[in-house]
Protein backbone atom coordinates (compact mmCIF):
# COMPACT_ATOMS: atom_id res chain seq x y z
CA MET A 1 0.00 0.00 0.00
CA THR A 2 1.40 3.39 -0.93
CA ALA A 3 1.62 6.54 1.17
CA GLY A 4 -1.69 8.28 1.61
CA GLU A 5 -3.86 5.15 1.46
CA THR A 6 -5.79 4.17 4.58
CA GLY A 7 -7.60 1.29 6.17
CA GLU A 8 -4.90 -1.37 5.94
CA HIS A 9 -5.17 -4.27 8.40
CA VAL A 10 -2.27 -6.53 9.44
CA ASP A 11 -1.47 -8.91 12.33
CA LEU A 12 1.18 -6.77 14.02
CA VAL A 13 2.47 -3.22 13.94
CA ILE A 14 5.92 -2.61 15.43
CA ILE A 15 7.00 0.95 16.16
CA GLY A 16 10.78 1.18 16.06
CA MET A 17 13.22 -1.15 14.35
CA GLY A 18 16.12 -1.32 16.73
CA SER A 19 17.23 -4.46 18.51
CA ALA A 20 13.78 -5.38 19.83
CA GLY A 21 11.92 -4.41 16.67
CA MET A 22 14.19 -6.41 14.39
CA VAL A 23 13.91 -9.58 16.48
CA ALA A 24 10.14 -9.19 16.78
CA ALA A 25 9.74 -8.59 13.05
CA GLU A 26 11.73 -11.68 12.10
CA PHE A 27 9.99 -13.82 14.70
CA ALA A 28 6.56 -12.74 13.46
CA ALA A 29 7.47 -13.11 9.79
CA ARG A 30 8.72 -16.66 10.34
CA LEU A 31 5.34 -17.46 11.87
CA GLY A 32 3.66 -16.25 8.72
CA ARG A 33 2.18 -13.12 10.30
CA ARG A 34 1.61 -9.92 8.36
CA VAL A 35 3.86 -7.30 9.90
CA VAL A 36 4.36 -3.58 9.41
CA VAL A 37 7.35 -1.95 11.10
CA VAL A 38 7.47 1.83 11.31
CA GLU A 39 11.00 3.26 11.61
CA ARG A 40 11.63 6.99 11.60
CA HIS A 41 15.38 6.92 11.12
CA ARG A 42 17.64 3.92 10.52
CA VAL A 43 17.11 0.18 10.94
CA GLY A 44 19.37 -1.13 13.68
CA GLY A 45 18.62 1.44 16.35
CA ASP A 46 20.95 2.58 19.07
CA CYS A 47 22.87 -0.69 19.32
CA LEU A 48 24.09 -0.60 15.73
CA TRP A 49 24.54 3.12 15.16
CA THR A 50 25.45 4.72 18.47
CA GLY A 51 25.78 1.99 21.10
CA CYS A 52 27.14 -1.54 21.26
CA VAL A 53 28.66 -1.84 17.80
CA PRO A 54 30.63 1.40 17.51
CA SER A 55 31.66 1.48 21.17
CA LYS A 56 32.95 -2.09 21.13
CA ALA A 57 34.73 -1.48 17.82
CA LEU A 58 36.46 1.44 19.51
CA VAL A 59 37.27 -0.71 22.55
CA ALA A 60 38.74 -3.41 20.28
CA ALA A 61 41.04 -0.93 18.54
CA ALA A 62 42.11 0.52 21.88
CA ARG A 63 42.93 -2.94 23.23
CA VAL A 64 45.20 -3.64 20.24
CA ALA A 65 46.92 -0.28 20.73
CA HIS A 66 47.43 -0.95 24.43
CA HIS A 67 48.89 -4.42 23.92
CA SER A 68 51.13 -3.14 21.13
CA ARG A 69 52.43 -0.35 23.36
CA HIS A 70 53.11 -2.83 26.18
CA ALA A 71 54.27 -5.78 24.10
CA ASP A 72 57.42 -6.04 26.22
CA ARG A 73 55.24 -7.76 28.84
CA PHE A 74 55.15 -10.71 26.44
CA GLY A 75 58.83 -10.61 25.51
CA LEU A 76 58.12 -8.66 22.31
CA PRO A 77 59.36 -5.25 21.19
CA PRO A 78 56.89 -2.53 22.16
CA ASN A 79 55.47 -0.28 19.47
CA GLY A 80 55.19 3.34 20.50
CA ALA A 81 54.20 4.65 17.09
CA PRO A 82 51.76 7.58 17.24
CA ILE A 83 48.09 6.74 16.76
CA ASP A 84 45.80 8.53 14.35
CA PRO A 85 42.45 8.58 16.16
CA ALA A 86 40.66 9.71 13.00
CA ALA A 87 41.71 6.48 11.28
CA VAL A 88 40.32 4.47 14.20
CA TRP A 89 37.05 6.39 14.00
CA ARG A 90 36.84 5.64 10.26
CA ARG A 91 37.27 1.95 10.99
CA VAL A 92 34.51 2.12 13.63
CA ARG A 93 32.12 3.58 11.06
CA ALA A 94 33.19 0.97 8.50
CA VAL A 95 32.35 -1.87 10.90
CA ARG A 96 29.00 -0.27 11.56
CA ALA A 97 28.28 0.06 7.83
CA GLU A 98 29.29 -3.57 7.23
CA ILE A 99 26.74 -4.82 9.76
CA ALA A 100 24.11 -2.41 8.47
CA ALA A 101 24.56 -3.85 4.98
CA GLY A 102 24.29 -7.43 6.26
CA ASP A 103 21.95 -8.79 8.91
CA ASP A 104 20.51 -5.34 9.65
CA ASP A 105 19.71 -4.44 6.04
CA PRO A 106 16.02 -3.45 5.75
CA ASP A 107 15.82 -5.28 2.42
CA ARG A 108 16.62 -8.50 4.28
CA TYR A 109 13.45 -8.00 6.29
CA ARG A 110 11.43 -7.04 3.24
CA ALA A 111 12.53 -10.32 1.66
CA MET A 112 10.98 -12.10 4.65
CA GLY A 113 7.70 -10.33 3.95
CA VAL A 114 8.08 -7.58 6.56
CA ASP A 115 6.69 -4.23 5.43
CA VAL A 116 9.25 -1.64 6.53
CA ALA A 117 7.58 1.78 6.54
CA ILE A 118 9.61 4.97 6.91
CA GLY A 119 8.22 7.74 9.08
CA SER A 120 7.07 8.66 12.58
CA ALA A 121 4.24 6.65 14.11
CA THR A 122 1.41 7.95 16.28
CA LEU A 123 -1.11 5.80 18.11
CA THR A 124 -4.54 6.97 16.93
CA GLY A 125 -6.41 4.16 18.64
CA PRO A 126 -5.75 1.06 20.75
CA THR A 127 -5.32 -0.97 17.54
CA GLU A 128 -4.43 1.80 15.08
CA VAL A 129 -1.20 3.51 14.05
CA THR A 130 -0.93 6.50 11.74
CA ILE A 131 2.33 7.47 10.07
CA THR A 132 2.64 11.23 10.41
CA ASP A 133 5.67 12.08 8.30
CA GLY A 134 8.38 10.55 6.11
CA HIS A 135 7.96 8.50 2.96
CA ASP A 136 4.83 6.74 4.27
CA ALA A 137 3.15 9.84 5.76
CA GLY A 138 -0.65 9.57 5.97
CA ARG A 139 -0.70 5.81 6.01
CA ARG A 140 -3.05 4.28 8.59
CA VAL A 141 -2.61 0.68 9.72
CA THR A 142 -4.69 -1.34 12.17
CA ALA A 143 -3.65 -4.51 13.98
CA PRO A 144 -4.85 -6.50 17.00
CA THR A 145 -1.36 -6.19 18.49
CA ILE A 146 0.95 -3.17 18.57
CA LEU A 147 4.50 -3.43 19.88
CA LEU A 148 6.37 -0.31 21.04
CA CYS A 149 10.14 -0.59 20.52
CA THR A 150 11.13 3.08 20.41
CA GLY A 151 14.23 2.78 22.57
CA SER A 152 15.98 5.54 24.47
CA ARG A 153 18.38 8.43 23.97
CA PRO A 154 21.18 10.01 26.02
CA ALA A 155 20.02 11.94 29.07
CA VAL A 156 21.54 15.41 29.25
CA PRO A 157 21.86 16.95 32.72
CA SER A 158 20.75 20.51 33.29
CA ILE A 159 24.07 22.30 33.83
CA PRO A 160 24.26 26.06 33.26
CA GLY A 161 26.42 26.82 30.25
CA LEU A 162 26.47 23.26 28.87
CA GLU A 163 24.23 23.98 25.88
CA GLU A 164 26.21 27.10 24.98
CA ALA A 165 29.55 25.27 25.25
CA GLY A 166 28.33 22.32 23.18
CA TYR A 167 28.77 18.67 23.97
CA LEU A 168 29.00 15.18 22.51
CA THR A 169 26.98 12.10 23.39
CA SER A 170 27.08 8.48 22.27
CA GLU A 171 24.88 9.61 19.37
CA THR A 172 27.48 12.07 18.05
CA ILE A 173 30.94 11.02 19.24
CA PHE A 174 31.35 8.34 16.57
CA GLU A 175 30.64 10.85 13.80
CA LEU A 176 33.75 12.90 14.59
CA GLY A 177 36.14 13.57 11.73
CA ASP A 178 38.84 15.32 13.72
CA VAL A 179 39.05 13.85 17.19
CA PRO A 180 39.93 16.45 19.86
CA PRO A 181 43.03 15.63 21.94
CA ARG A 182 41.27 16.22 25.29
CA LEU A 183 37.92 14.74 26.30
CA LEU A 184 35.98 15.20 29.53
CA PHE A 185 33.28 12.62 30.30
CA VAL A 186 30.33 13.60 32.46
CA GLY A 187 29.31 10.30 34.04
CA GLY A 188 31.17 7.28 35.35
CA GLY A 189 28.72 4.55 34.46
CA PRO A 190 29.33 1.81 31.87
CA ILE A 191 29.19 4.10 28.82
CA GLY A 192 31.51 6.67 30.35
CA VAL A 193 34.17 4.30 31.65
CA GLU A 194 34.25 2.11 28.52
CA LEU A 195 34.75 5.08 26.22
CA ALA A 196 37.12 6.84 28.61
CA GLN A 197 39.51 3.89 28.82
CA ALA A 198 39.37 3.33 25.07
CA CYS A 199 40.06 6.98 24.27
CA ARG A 200 42.94 7.13 26.73
CA ARG A 201 44.51 4.03 25.18
CA LEU A 202 44.25 5.73 21.81
CA GLY A 203 46.39 8.60 23.06
CA LEU A 204 43.77 11.13 24.13
CA ALA A 205 43.84 12.96 27.45
CA VAL A 206 40.75 11.84 29.36
CA THR A 207 38.96 13.09 32.46
CA VAL A 208 35.89 11.46 34.04
CA LEU A 209 33.63 13.35 36.45
CA GLN A 210 31.22 11.19 38.45
CA ARG A 211 28.56 12.49 40.83
CA ALA A 212 28.33 9.25 42.83
CA PRO A 213 31.06 8.30 45.33
CA THR A 214 32.30 5.55 43.00
CA ILE A 215 32.32 4.71 39.33
CA LEU A 216 30.04 1.86 38.21
CA PRO A 217 27.79 2.12 41.30
CA ARG A 218 25.54 -0.78 40.23
CA GLU A 219 28.44 -3.24 40.26
CA GLU A 220 29.96 -5.37 43.02
CA PRO A 221 31.86 -2.69 44.97
CA GLU A 222 35.24 -4.40 45.24
CA LEU A 223 35.29 -5.15 41.50
CA ALA A 224 34.21 -1.60 40.64
CA ARG A 225 37.15 -0.39 42.75
CA ALA A 226 39.44 -2.71 40.83
CA VAL A 227 38.25 -1.19 37.53
CA HIS A 228 38.84 2.26 39.03
CA ASP A 229 42.41 1.28 39.87
CA VAL A 230 43.03 -0.08 36.37
CA LEU A 231 41.81 3.12 34.72
CA ALA A 232 43.79 5.29 37.14
CA ALA A 233 46.93 3.28 36.40
CA GLU A 234 46.37 4.01 32.70
CA ASP A 235 46.24 7.76 33.46
CA VAL A 236 42.51 8.26 33.15
CA ALA A 237 41.82 11.21 35.48
CA LEU A 238 38.92 9.97 37.64
CA HIS A 239 37.06 12.29 39.99
CA THR A 240 34.14 11.00 42.06
CA GLY A 241 31.71 12.82 44.34
CA VAL A 242 31.61 15.76 41.92
CA ARG A 243 28.63 18.12 41.88
CA LEU A 244 28.77 20.04 38.62
CA THR A 245 27.73 23.69 38.88
CA ARG A 246 28.38 25.25 35.45
CA VAL A 247 30.31 25.18 32.21
CA GLU A 248 32.32 28.23 31.23
CA PRO A 249 33.67 29.17 27.78
CA GLY A 250 36.75 27.23 26.80
CA PRO A 251 35.10 24.93 27.65
CA VAL A 252 35.88 24.74 31.35
CA VAL A 253 33.73 22.51 33.55
CA VAL A 254 33.26 23.74 37.10
CA GLY A 255 32.18 21.58 40.00
CA VAL A 256 32.37 21.11 43.75
CA VAL A 257 34.28 18.27 45.43
CA ASP A 258 34.29 17.97 49.22
CA GLY A 259 33.07 21.52 49.53
CA SER A 260 35.79 23.03 47.33
CA GLU A 261 35.34 24.36 43.80
CA ARG A 262 37.34 22.63 41.07
CA ARG A 263 37.83 23.50 37.39
CA TRP A 264 38.64 21.20 34.48
CA ALA A 265 39.62 22.54 31.06
CA THR A 266 38.98 20.35 28.02
CA ASP A 267 38.56 20.41 24.25
CA ALA A 268 35.21 18.59 24.23
CA ILE A 269 32.63 17.46 26.76
CA VAL A 270 31.11 14.00 26.38
CA VAL A 271 27.83 13.53 28.25
CA ALA A 272 27.50 9.93 29.47
CA ALA A 273 24.95 10.44 32.25
CA GLY A 274 22.46 7.69 31.51
CA ARG A 275 19.55 7.43 29.12
CA MET A 276 15.90 8.47 28.88
CA PRO A 277 13.03 6.67 27.12
CA ASN A 278 11.66 7.80 23.77
CA VAL A 279 7.98 8.28 24.62
CA GLU A 280 7.29 11.67 23.08
CA GLY A 281 5.11 12.10 20.00
CA LEU A 282 3.62 8.60 20.13
CA GLY A 283 0.14 9.64 21.27
CA LEU A 284 0.38 7.46 24.36
CA ASP A 285 -1.76 9.62 26.62
CA ALA A 286 -4.52 9.89 24.03
CA VAL A 287 -5.04 6.12 23.92
CA GLY A 288 -4.52 5.49 27.64
CA VAL A 289 -0.98 4.12 27.71
CA ARG A 290 0.50 5.23 31.02
CA THR A 291 4.11 6.29 31.53
CA ASN A 292 6.36 7.40 34.36
CA THR A 293 9.88 8.82 34.55
CA GLY A 294 11.32 5.43 33.65
CA GLY A 295 9.26 5.03 30.50
CA VAL A 296 6.16 3.09 29.48
CA ILE A 297 4.55 1.20 32.36
CA VAL A 298 4.22 -2.53 31.63
CA ASP A 299 3.33 -5.64 33.59
CA GLY A 300 5.32 -8.87 33.83
CA ARG A 301 4.11 -9.86 30.37
CA MET A 302 5.24 -6.54 28.79
CA ARG A 303 1.63 -5.36 28.34
CA THR A 304 0.93 -1.67 28.75
CA THR A 305 -2.19 -0.29 30.40
CA VAL A 306 -3.92 -0.86 27.03
CA ALA A 307 -4.29 -4.62 26.52
CA SER A 308 -3.59 -4.57 22.78
CA ILE A 309 -0.37 -2.57 23.12
CA TYR A 310 2.90 -4.03 24.36
CA ALA A 311 6.20 -2.25 25.01
CA VAL A 312 9.70 -3.71 25.27
CA GLY A 313 13.33 -2.66 25.39
CA ASP A 314 14.75 0.65 26.56
CA VAL A 315 11.40 2.43 26.35
CA VAL A 316 10.14 0.55 29.43
CA GLY A 317 13.19 1.53 31.50
CA ARG A 318 14.10 -1.90 32.86
CA GLU A 319 17.38 -3.54 31.81
CA ARG A 320 18.56 -1.29 28.97
CA PHE A 321 20.53 -3.87 27.02
CA THR A 322 20.23 -5.24 23.50
CA HIS A 323 19.88 -8.81 24.72
CA ALA A 324 17.16 -7.83 27.19
CA ALA A 325 15.21 -6.02 24.48
CA ALA A 326 15.34 -9.00 22.14
CA TYR A 327 14.23 -11.39 24.89
CA GLN A 328 11.35 -9.14 25.92
CA ALA A 329 10.17 -8.75 22.32
CA VAL A 330 9.82 -12.49 21.76
CA ARG A 331 8.12 -13.00 25.13
CA ALA A 332 5.65 -10.21 24.39
CA LEU A 333 4.60 -11.82 21.12
CA ARG A 334 4.49 -15.19 22.82
CA ASP A 335 2.02 -13.69 25.27
CA ALA A 336 -0.06 -12.04 22.55
CA TRP A 337 -0.35 -15.02 20.23
CA PHE A 338 0.01 -18.31 22.06
CA PRO A 339 -1.83 -20.04 24.92
CA GLY A 340 -0.45 -19.41 28.38
CA ARG A 341 1.53 -16.38 29.37
CA GLY A 342 4.81 -15.00 28.09
CA ALA A 343 6.05 -13.63 31.40
CA THR A 344 9.54 -12.10 31.29
CA THR A 345 11.06 -13.92 34.23
CA ALA A 346 14.55 -14.76 32.95
CA LEU A 347 17.57 -13.31 34.72
CA VAL A 348 19.27 -10.68 32.55
CA PRO A 349 23.06 -10.45 32.90
CA TRP A 350 25.18 -7.61 31.60
CA ALA A 351 28.81 -6.69 31.05
CA THR A 352 30.81 -3.49 31.09
CA PHE A 353 33.40 -3.77 28.34
CA THR A 354 36.37 -2.22 30.02
CA ASP A 355 39.64 -4.15 29.94
CA PRO A 356 39.33 -6.33 31.94
CA GLU A 357 35.60 -6.76 31.42
CA LEU A 358 33.19 -6.69 34.34
CA ALA A 359 30.20 -9.05 34.04
CA HIS A 360 27.20 -9.06 36.37
CA ALA A 361 24.28 -11.42 37.06
CA GLY A 362 21.82 -11.28 39.93
CA VAL A 363 22.41 -9.21 43.05
CA THR A 364 25.54 -7.68 44.54
CA SER A 365 26.70 -8.65 48.03
CA ALA A 366 25.29 -5.40 49.46
CA GLU A 367 21.93 -5.98 47.79
CA ALA A 368 21.82 -9.55 49.09
CA ILE A 369 22.55 -8.46 52.67
CA GLU A 370 19.85 -5.80 52.47
CA ARG A 371 17.35 -8.31 51.09
CA PHE A 372 18.14 -11.40 53.18
CA SER A 373 20.17 -10.10 56.19
CA ALA A 374 23.90 -10.51 56.70
CA GLY A 375 23.61 -13.79 58.58
CA ARG A 376 22.03 -15.49 55.58
CA VAL A 377 24.50 -14.29 52.98
CA ARG A 378 27.85 -15.86 52.15
CA VAL A 379 30.23 -14.12 49.75
CA HIS A 380 32.78 -16.31 47.95
CA ARG A 381 35.83 -14.66 46.38
CA TRP A 382 38.49 -16.04 44.07
CA SER A 383 41.36 -13.97 42.73
CA LEU A 384 42.65 -14.65 39.23
CA ALA A 385 46.09 -14.65 40.79
CA HIS A 386 45.27 -18.37 41.19
CA ASN A 387 44.27 -18.79 37.53
CA ASP A 388 46.90 -20.08 35.13
CA ARG A 389 45.23 -18.61 32.04
CA ALA A 390 45.30 -15.17 33.61
CA HIS A 391 49.04 -15.57 34.20
CA ILE A 392 49.54 -16.74 30.62
CA ASP A 393 47.62 -13.77 29.22
CA GLY A 394 49.08 -11.27 31.64
CA SER A 395 45.64 -10.34 32.95
CA THR A 396 44.11 -9.75 36.35
CA GLY A 397 40.69 -9.97 37.95
CA ALA A 398 38.49 -11.90 40.34
CA VAL A 399 35.26 -13.85 40.69
CA VAL A 400 32.76 -12.93 43.41
CA LEU A 401 29.78 -15.21 44.04
CA VAL A 402 26.95 -14.31 46.40
CA GLU A 403 25.08 -17.15 48.10
CA HIS A 404 21.84 -17.07 50.10
CA ARG A 405 21.47 -19.62 52.88
CA ARG A 406 18.12 -20.56 54.35
CA ARG A 407 16.91 -23.56 56.33
CA GLY A 408 20.09 -25.53 55.71
CA ARG A 409 20.06 -24.95 51.96
CA SER A 410 22.14 -22.60 49.86
CA ARG A 411 21.61 -21.10 46.44
CA LEU A 412 23.60 -18.75 44.25
CA VAL A 413 21.88 -15.36 43.90
CA GLY A 414 24.63 -13.16 42.48
CA ALA A 415 27.68 -13.61 40.27
CA HIS A 416 30.32 -11.06 39.31
CA VAL A 417 33.37 -11.68 37.12
CA LEU A 418 36.23 -9.28 36.42
CA SER A 419 38.42 -10.78 33.72
CA GLU A 420 39.18 -10.89 30.05
CA ALA A 421 36.06 -12.10 28.22
CA ALA A 422 34.00 -11.93 31.42
CA GLY A 423 30.90 -11.50 29.27
CA GLU A 424 31.58 -14.96 27.82
CA VAL A 425 32.20 -16.49 31.25
CA ILE A 426 29.07 -15.24 33.01
CA GLY A 427 26.66 -17.50 31.07
CA GLU A 428 27.09 -20.64 33.15
CA LEU A 429 26.64 -18.60 36.32
CA VAL A 430 23.33 -17.31 34.99
CA VAL A 431 22.22 -20.92 34.61
CA ALA A 432 23.38 -21.69 38.14
CA ILE A 433 21.37 -18.77 39.55
CA GLU A 434 18.29 -19.67 37.52
CA GLU A 435 18.49 -23.31 38.67
CA GLY A 436 19.07 -22.40 42.32
CA TRP A 437 22.40 -24.22 42.60
CA PRO A 438 24.65 -23.90 45.65
CA VAL A 439 28.12 -22.57 44.90
CA SER A 440 29.62 -25.94 45.85
CA ARG A 441 27.90 -27.61 42.90
CA LEU A 442 30.04 -25.53 40.53
CA GLY A 443 33.04 -27.45 41.81
CA GLY A 444 31.65 -30.61 40.20
CA LEU A 445 31.59 -29.15 36.70
CA VAL A 446 34.69 -29.99 34.66
CA HIS A 447 36.05 -26.97 32.79
CA VAL A 448 38.55 -26.81 29.97
CA TYR A 449 42.08 -26.00 31.11
CA PRO A 450 43.56 -23.43 30.86
CA THR A 451 40.63 -21.01 30.83
CA ILE A 452 39.41 -18.14 32.97
CA ALA A 453 36.28 -20.21 33.68
CA THR A 454 38.45 -22.70 35.60
CA SER A 455 38.28 -20.21 38.48
CA ILE A 456 34.56 -20.91 38.77
CA GLN A 457 35.30 -24.60 39.27
CA GLN A 458 38.08 -23.75 41.72
CA LEU A 459 35.81 -21.50 43.75
CA GLY A 460 33.04 -24.08 43.73
CA GLY A 461 35.50 -26.72 44.83
CA ALA A 462 36.73 -24.54 47.67
CA ALA A 463 33.12 -24.05 48.80
CA ALA A 464 32.54 -27.81 48.68
CA VAL A 465 35.65 -28.48 50.77
CA GLU A 466 34.54 -25.90 53.30
CA THR A 467 31.12 -27.53 53.55
CA ALA A 468 32.71 -30.94 54.00
CA ALA A 469 34.95 -29.57 56.75
CA ARG A 470 31.88 -28.85 58.85
CA TYR A 471 31.20 -32.58 58.92
CA ARG A 472 34.64 -33.72 60.08
CA TRP A 473 33.00 -34.93 63.26
CA LEU A 474 30.94 -37.37 61.20
CA MET A 475 34.07 -38.71 59.50
CA ARG A 476 35.73 -39.21 62.87
CA LEU A 477 32.65 -41.03 64.15
CA ARG A 478 32.65 -43.36 61.15
CA ARG A 479 36.33 -44.17 61.68
CA LYS A 480 35.65 -45.04 65.31
CA ARG A 481 32.84 -47.38 64.32
CA ARG A 482 35.06 -49.17 61.81
CA ARG A 483 37.56 -49.90 64.53
């Protein structure tokens, strides 16, 4: 149907074709459903264009540069050749374009039978979407199920002088042609610390200003401190407990630390202070879809306050990760189309792609103590100083497992890994949490040697030995009986 025609009816309308929208569209198409996806900008969303793909491409280049510069650690000649950041940025964009032309190509979806419409979508009824601009402007589509996948965008703090000075975000930093030699990051969460370390390794002077007392405040505290120490050792200037007050021409960022005013001069400011949901212009209020500061309000099945409309991914403000969005999208359609309920109950892990990486599943030790009380929580720690692969690779890190004990039984409730490829390692710990295993059971799983994951087996084995030690009295009793 061409732009301007009305009255079209399909099985599903998806608004937004980022990570969640793409997975939902393919899932629906493979089930033979008629699908229209409305995308106002580019297929692929934040993950492809401004998030996971470009940031990890930058991290990969920075890792190579770092290892090359410190090759003497491996008995090789170090390479201190100057780095051209602009060339790295061109490679980042090339990787992005390669993916966009492959699995994320809109024509790939059209070949599946998905109707990809270009424009902005507005809900004009509980089962109706109208495209208000773009190539398909004026088109009206109805469907029994509508799926909101509009994602999020960088949150920009209200700091006097910031707008006048200008700033970069994750949406603009990868478009730079000439990369400024000094960058100041506002925010010490995952986005800020990943990019800060990468940029420093590529030869840029980097400062990070964090309002919270620590960087990565959602992570296991001791591992977040370890990441802090790594970045500080690489000459990333980290400042925590900073209350920003203004930005002066230069630009110069002004803030207060411990009651004293501080000033930081830079060439460019990069705002990495979290994200906010894209809920504007969708007509949500008009059809009764409720929102709050976190985004669209949904239940455990990803249904909004209008039964025919579902919402998934960043726009609902839960776990803002590509893998979470894809999972939620499939579960939402499962709920809409199949018997039973598609409740989103799976544990969602995540990783911060610093070097070493920091992976997270379940609760931190502090969260567990608050939830269950200190007497019911056991924290198991294992340094990678005891891991042969870490020695081979010249890496450092640790594994921290959080166990809840109740009525004589124990189960893993939190897992945190700081290591190379920690995002690859965390998967088996997610399974252990989901299955309610005690930490000691991990000691019975045979792991390939030498790998970082061997530390999980070692830690589990140590927990099993400790448990067995509590029953030494029983062993002594059995020996006496044998005599």
